[in-house]
Structure formats: C-alpha cells, structure tokens
Amino acid sequence: MKISLASDHGGYVLKEAVKKHLTEKGIEVVDFGTDSLASCDYPDFGKPAAEAVAEGKVDKGILICTTGIGMSMLANKIKGIRAALCADTVSARLTREHNDANILVMGAGIVGEILAMSIVDTFLNTEFSNEEKHIRRIAKIAKAEE
C-alpha cells in the first residue's frame, strides 16, 4: 500500500506521528509536506497529495490540518476524490464501507495522537462494502463532479 500524506503547520506534529506509525507497519508514505511548524497555507501541500490519489499514483491519502475542515474542502474540489473528515473510528469505518472514501482527513486540534492512529488503522484496514446501493450513490457523486 502507498499513502500520500500532507499537513499544514497545525497538523505537522500529528503528520509526523502518522508517518512514523505507517512506516513502522511497512506502508510506503509519500510525504507532500509541510516539513516544519512554520506558518503555511494548507492548499500548497494538500492539493498535490490529493492529486496523487486522484491520478492513481498512491492508493489513498491522509491530510491533516488544525480542524481538518480546510483540507476536506480542498480535497473534495478535486475530481475523483472522496475525502472524509473523521474524528472517530466509527466514521472512519463507515466512510470506507459506504462511501469508498479515498482520503482520510483529521484535525490535529480535535483528535489526539492515540485516537488518530486508531482512526488511521480503521480507515486503511476497512474495505468498501460493494453493496449496490453504495455503488449507486458513489456514481451519483461522480456525476455531480461533471
């Protein structure tokens, strides 16, 4: 599995923890930055990370900012992206099962490190259900992008 990862300064510390967590599990991480706590603009890092998912260069993505809201709004502007802002494992599981979300977004100011790792693991280890009703709904989302 290959994961794109990005944050702004507000998500930097959690991004680094997620990167360590994933690499320790043998998951390849493509880190799109930021690389410090210096103030920056989340679109500069989130957009290329989301585009990597949309273009099939990576399997899934994880984006982190202070609340997760900005990164979610940004990622969902990119055709083919279904980004889900999750602050609990139930949402992470259901967005994979029902929405086949391809990007997980978290707010570093909302979730702590221990919970974040559980959310990441749940998101990455949950398969899409392939139920007809969910396939139909995802197709409607894709049609709305046109």
Foldseek 3Di string as FASTA:
>chain_A
DEEEEEEFLQCQVLSVLLVVLQVVVVYHYDYQDDDHNPGDDRCSRLVVRLVCCQVVVGQAYEYEYQAQVVSCVNSLLDQPADEDEDQALVSLQCCQQQVVGRYYYYHPNRHPNVRVNSSVCSNVPHHHNPDPVSVVVNVVSNVVSD
